[in-house]
PDB file of N, CA and C in Angstrom:
ATOM      1  N   UNK A   1      77.815 217.721 147.652  1.00  0.00           N
ATOM      2  CA  UNK A   1      77.738 216.926 146.280  1.00  0.00           C
ATOM      3  C   UNK A   1      79.715 217.444 145.545  1.00  0.00           C
ATOM      4  N   UNK A   2      79.656 215.676 144.956  1.00  0.00           N
ATOM      5  CA  UNK A   2      80.728 216.413 144.137  1.00  0.00           C
ATOM      6  C   UNK A   2      80.877 216.454 142.458  1.00  0.00           C
ATOM      7  N   UNK A   3      81.568 217.772 141.974  1.00  0.00           N
ATOM      8  CA  UNK A   3      81.395 218.049 141.302  1.00  0.00           C
ATOM      9  C   UNK A   3      83.029 217.300 140.044  1.00  0.00           C
ATOM     10  N   UNK A   4      82.059 217.416 138.697  1.00  0.00           N
ATOM     11  CA  UNK A   4      83.280 216.689 137.783  1.00  0.00           C
ATOM     12  C   UNK A   4      84.697 217.151 138.390  1.00  0.00           C
ATOM     13  N   UNK A   5      85.263 218.205 139.142  1.00  0.00           N
ATOM     14  CA  UNK A   5      86.000 217.906 139.844  1.00  0.00           C
ATOM     15  C   UNK A   5      86.369 217.514 139.996  1.00  0.00           C
ATOM     16  N   UNK A   6      85.697 216.633 140.729  1.00  0.00           N
ATOM     17  CA  UNK A   6      86.304 216.239 141.480  1.00  0.00           C
ATOM     18  C   UNK A   6      86.334 214.284 142.004  1.00  0.00           C
ATOM     19  N   UNK A   7      86.248 214.173 139.899  1.00  0.00           N
ATOM     20  CA  UNK A   7      85.797 212.385 140.008  1.00  0.00           C
ATOM     21  C   UNK A   7      86.692 212.011 138.709  1.00  0.00           C
ATOM     22  N   UNK A   8      87.548 211.229 138.226  1.00  0.00           N
ATOM     23  CA  UNK A   8      87.488 210.729 137.328  1.00  0.00           C
ATOM     24  C   UNK A   8      86.958 209.836 135.988  1.00  0.00           C
ATOM     25  N   UNK A   9      86.406 210.299 135.505  1.00  0.00           N
ATOM     26  CA  UNK A   9      86.000 209.970 134.422  1.00  0.00           C
ATOM     27  C   UNK A   9      86.670 209.343 132.372  1.00  0.00           C
ATOM     28  N   UNK A  10      85.975 208.113 132.527  1.00  0.00           N
ATOM     29  CA  UNK A  10      86.732 207.870 131.275  1.00  0.00           C
ATOM     30  C   UNK A  10      86.022 207.817 130.068  1.00  0.00           C
ATOM     31  N   UNK A  11      85.880 207.981 129.334  1.00  0.00           N
ATOM     32  CA  UNK A  11      84.007 207.582 127.987  1.00  0.00           C
ATOM     33  C   UNK A  11      82.936 207.981 129.027  1.00  0.00           C
ATOM     34  N   UNK A  12      82.728 209.460 129.178  1.00  0.00           N
ATOM     35  CA  UNK A  12      81.899 209.874 130.416  1.00  0.00           C
ATOM     36  C   UNK A  12      81.848 208.507 131.361  1.00  0.00           C
ATOM     37  N   UNK A  13      82.771 207.390 131.794  1.00  0.00           N
ATOM     38  CA  UNK A  13      81.827 207.069 133.084  1.00  0.00           C
ATOM     39  C   UNK A  13      83.044 206.972 134.009  1.00  0.00           C
ATOM     40  N   UNK A  14      82.719 207.676 135.534  1.00  0.00           N
ATOM     41  CA  UNK A  14      83.141 207.377 136.302  1.00  0.00           C
ATOM     42  C   UNK A  14      83.987 206.530 136.978  1.00  0.00           C
ATOM     43  N   UNK A  15      85.678 206.908 136.917  1.00  0.00           N
ATOM     44  CA  UNK A  15      86.224 205.246 137.465  1.00  0.00           C
ATOM     45  C   UNK A  15      87.118 205.310 138.608  1.00  0.00           C
ATOM     46  N   UNK A  16      86.909 206.870 139.065  1.00  0.00           N
ATOM     47  CA  UNK A  16      87.363 207.386 140.236  1.00  0.00           C
ATOM     48  C   UNK A  16      87.702 206.139 141.375  1.00  0.00           C
ATOM     49  N   UNK A  17      86.015 204.789 142.143  1.00  0.00           N
ATOM     50  CA  UNK A  17      86.740 203.470 142.639  1.00  0.00           C
ATOM     51  C   UNK A  17      87.353 202.984 141.839  1.00  0.00           C
ATOM     52  N   UNK A  18      87.657 202.487 141.201  1.00  0.00           N
ATOM     53  CA  UNK A  18      88.765 202.068 140.194  1.00  0.00           C
ATOM     54  C   UNK A  18      90.030 202.265 140.754  1.00  0.00           C
ATOM     55  N   UNK A  19      89.681 203.239 140.469  1.00  0.00           N
ATOM     56  CA  UNK A  19      91.509 203.714 140.707  1.00  0.00           C
ATOM     57  C   UNK A  19      92.109 204.153 141.958  1.00  0.00           C
ATOM     58  N   UNK A  20      91.293 203.935 142.767  1.00  0.00           N
ATOM     59  CA  UNK A  20      91.348 204.218 143.778  1.00  0.00           C
ATOM     60  C   UNK A  20      91.898 202.744 144.957  1.00  0.00           C
ATOM     61  N   UNK A  21      91.521 202.261 144.460  1.00  0.00           N
ATOM     62  CA  UNK A  21      91.494 200.684 144.103  1.00  0.00           C
ATOM     63  C   UNK A  21      92.552 200.016 143.428  1.00  0.00           C
ATOM     64  N   UNK A  22      93.499 199.984 143.039  1.00  0.00           N
ATOM     65  CA  UNK A  22      94.146 200.281 141.902  1.00  0.00           C
ATOM     66  C   UNK A  22      95.464 200.698 143.322  1.00  0.00           C
ATOM     67  N   UNK A  23      95.506 201.620 143.361  1.00  0.00           N
ATOM     68  CA  UNK A  23      96.309 202.494 144.321  1.00  0.00           C
ATOM     69  C   UNK A  23      96.908 201.923 144.963  1.00  0.00           C
ATOM     70  N   UNK A  24      95.484 201.569 145.817  1.00  0.00           N
ATOM     71  CA  UNK A  24      95.384 200.346 147.473  1.00  0.00           C
ATOM     72  C   UNK A  24      96.107 199.094 146.850  1.00  0.00           C
ATOM     73  N   UNK A  25      95.639 198.763 145.833  1.00  0.00           N
ATOM     74  CA  UNK A  25      96.322 196.766 145.884  1.00  0.00           C
ATOM     75  C   UNK A  25      98.100 197.546 145.506  1.00  0.00           C
ATOM     76  N   UNK A  26      98.303 198.441 144.989  1.00  0.00           N
ATOM     77  CA  UNK A  26      99.832 198.891 144.572  1.00  0.00           C
ATOM     78  C   UNK A  26     100.222 198.961 145.687  1.00  0.00           C
ATOM     79  N   UNK A  27      99.875 199.701 146.738  1.00  0.00           N
ATOM     80  CA  UNK A  27     100.372 199.905 147.702  1.00  0.00           C
ATOM     81  C   UNK A  27     100.831 198.669 148.580  1.00  0.00           C
ATOM     82  N   UNK A  28     100.252 197.768 148.563  1.00  0.00           N
ATOM     83  CA  UNK A  28      99.422 197.094 149.949  1.00  0.00           C
ATOM     84  C   UNK A  28     101.112 195.530 149.159  1.00  0.00           C
ATOM     85  N   UNK A  29     100.603 195.882 148.078  1.00  0.00           N
ATOM     86  CA  UNK A  29     101.619 194.914 146.829  1.00  0.00           C
ATOM     87  C   UNK A  29     103.202 195.258 147.172  1.00  0.00           C
ATOM     88  N   UNK A  30     103.469 196.440 147.022  1.00  0.00           N
ATOM     89  CA  UNK A  30     104.408 197.526 147.225  1.00  0.00           C
ATOM     90  C   UNK A  30     105.194 197.338 148.619  1.00  0.00           C
ATOM     91  N   UNK A  31     104.195 197.341 149.870  1.00  0.00           N
ATOM     92  CA  UNK A  31     104.210 197.103 151.503  1.00  0.00           C
ATOM     93  C   UNK A  31     104.881 195.664 151.570  1.00  0.00           C
ATOM     94  N   UNK A  32     104.110 195.009 151.272  1.00  0.00           N
ATOM     95  CA  UNK A  32     104.451 193.455 151.712  1.00  0.00           C
ATOM     96  C   UNK A  32     106.187 193.049 150.511  1.00  0.00           C
ATOM     97  N   UNK A  33     106.350 193.497 150.083  1.00  0.00           N
ATOM     98  CA  UNK A  33     107.177 192.638 148.900  1.00  0.00           C
ATOM     99  C   UNK A  33     109.170 193.571 149.275  1.00  0.00           C
ATOM    100  N   UNK A  34     108.195 195.369 149.865  1.00  0.00           N
ATOM    101  CA  UNK A  34     109.211 196.189 150.868  1.00  0.00           C
ATOM    102  C   UNK A  34     109.943 195.516 152.658  1.00  0.00           C
ATOM    103  N   UNK A  35     108.347 194.582 152.481  1.00  0.00           N
ATOM    104  CA  UNK A  35     108.865 194.746 154.341  1.00  0.00           C
ATOM    105  C   UNK A  35     108.350 196.279 155.229  1.00  0.00           C
ATOM    106  N   UNK A  36     107.897 196.796 154.558  1.00  0.00           N
ATOM    107  CA  UNK A  36     107.974 198.429 154.951  1.00  0.00           C
ATOM    108  C   UNK A  36     106.138 198.660 155.253  1.00  0.00           C
ATOM    109  N   UNK A  37     106.355 199.308 156.394  1.00  0.00           N
ATOM    110  CA  UNK A  37     103.896 199.832 156.030  1.00  0.00           C
ATOM    111  C   UNK A  37     104.543 200.494 155.130  1.00  0.00           C
ATOM    112  N   UNK A  38     103.010 200.343 155.485  1.00  0.00           N
ATOM    113  CA  UNK A  38     101.134 200.803 153.841  1.00  0.00           C
ATOM    114  C   UNK A  38     102.033 202.740 153.866  1.00  0.00           C
ATOM    115  N   UNK A  39     101.605 202.409 155.134  1.00  0.00           N
ATOM    116  CA  UNK A  39     102.125 204.593 155.305  1.00  0.00           C
ATOM    117  C   UNK A  39     103.121 205.391 154.172  1.00  0.00           C
ATOM    118  N   UNK A  40     104.375 204.225 154.984  1.00  0.00           N
ATOM    119  CA  UNK A  40     105.137 204.981 154.221  1.00  0.00           C
ATOM    120  C   UNK A  40     105.608 204.731 152.946  1.00  0.00           C
ATOM    121  N   UNK A  41     105.441 203.131 152.009  1.00  0.00           N
ATOM    122  CA  UNK A  41     105.358 203.504 150.908  1.00  0.00           C
ATOM    123  C   UNK A  41     104.444 203.875 150.456  1.00  0.00           C
ATOM    124  N   UNK A  42     103.353 204.177 150.977  1.00  0.00           N
ATOM    125  CA  UNK A  42     101.694 205.484 150.434  1.00  0.00           C
ATOM    126  C   UNK A  42     102.897 206.512 150.072  1.00  0.00           C
ATOM    127  N   UNK A  43     103.224 206.637 151.667  1.00  0.00           N
ATOM    128  CA  UNK A  43     104.064 208.753 150.821  1.00  0.00           C
ATOM    129  C   UNK A  43     105.571 208.202 149.454  1.00  0.00           C
ATOM    130  N   UNK A  44     105.167 207.378 149.575  1.00  0.00           N
ATOM    131  CA  UNK A  44     107.085 207.198 148.532  1.00  0.00           C
ATOM    132  C   UNK A  44     106.039 207.318 146.922  1.00  0.00           C
ATOM    133  N   UNK A  45     104.858 206.288 146.904  1.00  0.00           N
ATOM    134  CA  UNK A  45     103.844 205.954 146.138  1.00  0.00           C
ATOM    135  C   UNK A  45     103.546 207.048 145.267  1.00  0.00           C
ATOM    136  N   UNK A  46     102.964 208.209 146.450  1.00  0.00           N
ATOM    137  CA  UNK A  46     102.991 209.577 145.538  1.00  0.00           C
ATOM    138  C   UNK A  46     103.644 210.167 145.454  1.00  0.00           C
ATOM    139  N   UNK A  47     105.436 210.694 145.366  1.00  0.00           N
ATOM    140  CA  UNK A  47     106.432 211.060 144.325  1.00  0.00           C
ATOM    141  C   UNK A  47     106.374 210.828 142.896  1.00  0.00           C
ATOM    142  N   UNK A  48     105.853 209.329 142.657  1.00  0.00           N
ATOM    143  CA  UNK A  48     106.000 208.394 141.505  1.00  0.00           C
ATOM    144  C   UNK A  48     105.316 208.806 140.111  1.00  0.00           C
ATOM    145  N   UNK A  49     106.174 209.008 139.026  1.00  0.00           N
ATOM    146  CA  UNK A  49     105.408 209.423 138.112  1.00  0.00           C
ATOM    147  C   UNK A  49     104.093 207.601 138.331  1.00  0.00           C
ATOM    148  N   UNK A  50     104.722 206.539 138.227  1.00  0.00           N
ATOM    149  CA  UNK A  50     103.148 205.808 138.110  1.00  0.00           C
ATOM    150  C   UNK A  50     102.377 206.046 138.715  1.00  0.00           C
ATOM    151  N   UNK A  51     102.197 207.220 140.236  1.00  0.00           N
ATOM    152  CA  UNK A  51     101.260 207.297 140.642  1.00  0.00           C
ATOM    153  C   UNK A  51     100.447 208.566 139.697  1.00  0.00           C
ATOM    154  N   UNK A  52     101.057 209.440 138.778  1.00  0.00           N
ATOM    155  CA  UNK A  52     100.323 211.158 138.011  1.00  0.00           C
ATOM    156  C   UNK A  52      99.920 209.658 136.694  1.00  0.00           C
ATOM    157  N   UNK A  53     100.686 208.720 136.169  1.00  0.00           N
ATOM    158  CA  UNK A  53      99.427 208.265 134.551  1.00  0.00           C
ATOM    159  C   UNK A  53      98.688 207.147 135.426  1.00  0.00           C
ATOM    160  N   UNK A  54      98.810 207.017 136.397  1.00  0.00           N
ATOM    161  CA  UNK A  54      97.708 206.724 137.226  1.00  0.00           C
ATOM    162  C   UNK A  54      96.584 207.447 136.918  1.00  0.00           C
ATOM    163  N   UNK A  55      96.089 208.568 137.658  1.00  0.00           N
ATOM    164  CA  UNK A  55      95.338 209.628 137.823  1.00  0.00           C
ATOM    165  C   UNK A  55      94.938 209.633 136.699  1.00  0.00           C
ATOM    166  N   UNK A  56      96.056 209.983 135.361  1.00  0.00           N
ATOM    167  CA  UNK A  56      94.638 210.097 133.819  1.00  0.00           C
ATOM    168  C   UNK A  56      94.233 208.859 133.366  1.00  0.00           C
ATOM    169  N   UNK A  57      93.460 209.065 133.312  1.00  0.00           N
ATOM    170  CA  UNK A  57      92.084 208.499 132.719  1.00  0.00           C
ATOM    171  C   UNK A  57      93.143 207.517 131.585  1.00  0.00           C
ATOM    172  N   UNK A  58      93.222 208.995 130.539  1.00  0.00           N
ATOM    173  CA  UNK A  58      94.147 208.645 128.737  1.00  0.00           C
ATOM    174  C   UNK A  58      94.523 207.830 129.051  1.00  0.00           C
ATOM    175  N   UNK A  59      95.865 207.003 129.986  1.00  0.00           N
ATOM    176  CA  UNK A  59      96.886 206.562 129.637  1.00  0.00           C
ATOM    177  C   UNK A  59      96.835 205.338 130.316  1.00  0.00           C
ATOM    178  N   UNK A  60      95.415 205.278 130.556  1.00  0.00           N
ATOM    179  CA  UNK A  60      94.736 203.564 130.761  1.00  0.00           C
ATOM    180  C   UNK A  60      95.535 202.568 131.693  1.00  0.00           C
ATOM    181  N   UNK A  61      96.614 203.575 132.780  1.00  0.00           N
ATOM    182  CA  UNK A  61      97.420 202.831 133.423  1.00  0.00           C
ATOM    183  C   UNK A  61      95.779 202.592 134.628  1.00  0.00           C
ATOM    184  N   UNK A  62      94.969 202.619 134.468  1.00  0.00           N
ATOM    185  CA  UNK A  62      94.039 202.566 135.855  1.00  0.00           C
ATOM    186  C   UNK A  62      93.881 201.303 134.971  1.00  0.00           C
ATOM    187  N   UNK A  63      94.051 200.793 133.974  1.00  0.00           N
ATOM    188  CA  UNK A  63      92.990 199.329 133.625  1.00  0.00           C
ATOM    189  C   UNK A  63      95.164 198.464 134.529  1.00  0.00           C
ATOM    190  N   UNK A  64      95.246 198.173 134.431  1.00  0.00           N
ATOM    191  CA  UNK A  64      96.380 197.023 133.879  1.00  0.00           C
ATOM    192  C   UNK A  64      95.389 196.487 135.745  1.00  0.00           C
ATOM    193  N   UNK A  65      96.776 195.459 136.382  1.00  0.00           N
ATOM    194  CA  UNK A  65      96.869 195.002 137.598  1.00  0.00           C
ATOM    195  C   UNK A  65      97.172 195.703 138.235  1.00  0.00           C
ATOM    196  N   UNK A  66      97.018 195.736 139.551  1.00  0.00           N
ATOM    197  CA  UNK A  66      97.995 196.253 140.459  1.00  0.00           C
ATOM    198  C   UNK A  66      99.265 195.685 141.134  1.00  0.00           C
ATOM    199  N   UNK A  67      99.050 194.480 140.504  1.00  0.00           N
ATOM    200  CA  UNK A  67     100.691 193.859 139.932  1.00  0.00           C
ATOM    201  C   UNK A  67     101.231 194.922 139.093  1.00  0.00           C
ATOM    202  N   UNK A  68     101.761 194.469 137.464  1.00  0.00           N
ATOM    203  CA  UNK A  68     101.803 195.298 137.490  1.00  0.00           C
ATOM    204  C   UNK A  68     101.894 196.708 137.108  1.00  0.00           C
ATOM    205  N   UNK A  69     100.940 197.956 138.019  1.00  0.00           N
ATOM    206  CA  UNK A  69     101.449 199.142 138.597  1.00  0.00           C
ATOM    207  C   UNK A  69     102.504 198.480 140.287  1.00  0.00           C
ATOM    208  N   UNK A  70     102.383 197.981 140.485  1.00  0.00           N
ATOM    209  CA  UNK A  70     103.688 197.300 141.381  1.00  0.00           C
ATOM    210  C   UNK A  70     105.488 197.439 140.369  1.00  0.00           C
ATOM    211  N   UNK A  71     105.242 196.556 139.555  1.00  0.00           N
ATOM    212  CA  UNK A  71     106.419 196.508 139.013  1.00  0.00           C
ATOM    213  C   UNK A  71     107.312 197.650 137.893  1.00  0.00           C
ATOM    214  N   UNK A  72     105.565 199.036 137.909  1.00  0.00           N
ATOM    215  CA  UNK A  72     105.974 199.774 136.748  1.00  0.00           C
ATOM    216  C   UNK A  72     106.702 200.695 137.575  1.00  0.00           C
ATOM    217  N   UNK A  73     106.003 201.160 138.693  1.00  0.00           N
ATOM    218  CA  UNK A  73     107.084 201.751 139.766  1.00  0.00           C
ATOM    219  C   UNK A  73     108.156 201.473 140.565  1.00  0.00           C
ATOM    220  N   UNK A  74     108.268 199.558 139.610  1.00  0.00           N
ATOM    221  CA  UNK A  74     110.150 199.779 140.200  1.00  0.00           C
ATOM    222  C   UNK A  74     110.114 200.279 139.103  1.00  0.00           C
ATOM    223  N   UNK A  75     110.668 199.678 138.152  1.00  0.00           N
ATOM    224  CA  UNK A  75     110.492 200.045 136.544  1.00  0.00           C
ATOM    225  C   UNK A  75     111.321 201.374 137.346  1.00  0.00           C
ATOM    226  N   UNK A  76     110.661 202.342 137.529  1.00  0.00           N
ATOM    227  CA  UNK A  76     110.589 203.686 137.210  1.00  0.00           C
ATOM    228  C   UNK A  76     112.046 203.872 137.873  1.00  0.00           C
ATOM    229  N   UNK A  77     111.559 203.676 139.398  1.00  0.00           N
ATOM    230  CA  UNK A  77     112.430 203.708 140.279  1.00  0.00           C
ATOM    231  C   UNK A  77     113.968 202.770 140.459  1.00  0.00           C
ATOM    232  N   UNK A  78     114.037 202.180 139.005  1.00  0.00           N
ATOM    233  CA  UNK A  78     115.615 201.255 139.081  1.00  0.00           C
ATOM    234  C   UNK A  78     116.417 201.841 138.346  1.00  0.00           C
ATOM    235  N   UNK A  79     115.160 202.741 137.140  1.00  0.00           N
ATOM    236  CA  UNK A  79     115.823 204.130 135.647  1.00  0.00           C
ATOM    237  C   UNK A  79     115.627 205.141 137.059  1.00  0.00           C
ATOM    238  N   UNK A  80     116.013 205.492 137.834  1.00  0.00           N
ATOM    239  CA  UNK A  80     116.893 207.478 138.883  1.00  0.00           C
ATOM    240  C   UNK A  80     117.660 206.493 139.407  1.00  0.00           C
ATOM    241  N   UNK A  81     117.531 205.421 139.539  1.00  0.00           N
ATOM    242  CA  UNK A  81     118.842 205.031 140.499  1.00  0.00           C
ATOM    243  C   UNK A  81     119.811 204.477 138.994  1.00  0.00           C
ATOM    244  N   UNK A  82     119.263 204.675 137.997  1.00  0.00           N
ATOM    245  CA  UNK A  82     120.504 203.783 137.172  1.00  0.00           C
ATOM    246  C   UNK A  82     120.749 202.344 137.461  1.00  0.00           C
ATOM    247  N   UNK A  83     119.388 201.809 137.867  1.00  0.00           N
ATOM    248  CA  UNK A  83     120.208 200.124 137.792  1.00  0.00           C
ATOM    249  C   UNK A  83     118.924 199.164 136.938  1.00  0.00           C
ATOM    250  N   UNK A  84     119.300 198.295 136.871  1.00  0.00           N
ATOM    251  CA  UNK A  84     118.558 197.411 135.625  1.00  0.00           C
ATOM    252  C   UNK A  84     117.368 196.909 136.521  1.00  0.00           C
ATOM    253  N   UNK A  85     116.583 197.138 135.893  1.00  0.00           N
ATOM    254  CA  UNK A  85     114.930 196.583 136.874  1.00  0.00           C
ATOM    255  C   UNK A  85     114.816 195.163 136.079  1.00  0.00           C
ATOM    256  N   UNK A  86     114.647 194.054 137.175  1.00  0.00           N
ATOM    257  CA  UNK A  86     115.328 192.219 137.183  1.00  0.00           C
ATOM    258  C   UNK A  86     113.724 191.820 137.621  1.00  0.00           C
TER     259      UNK A  86
END
């Protein structure tokens, strides 16, 4: 039996499935763009602030489409590397 500790809730609604799908779709997009394996890209994505933001329902990052999330990940990555995002 799941408890609220295992769920992502926003305005009293369980949004766990939505969050998991957004992460999956964003990582698939990143893997295709980087021509890398899913597991490798997923491991890198898990280390990002973008991933943390998706998991925080109040950030509303989970509400954005997967392309936006992937783009946000690249913006974050370029800021860390000190390069402008194109």
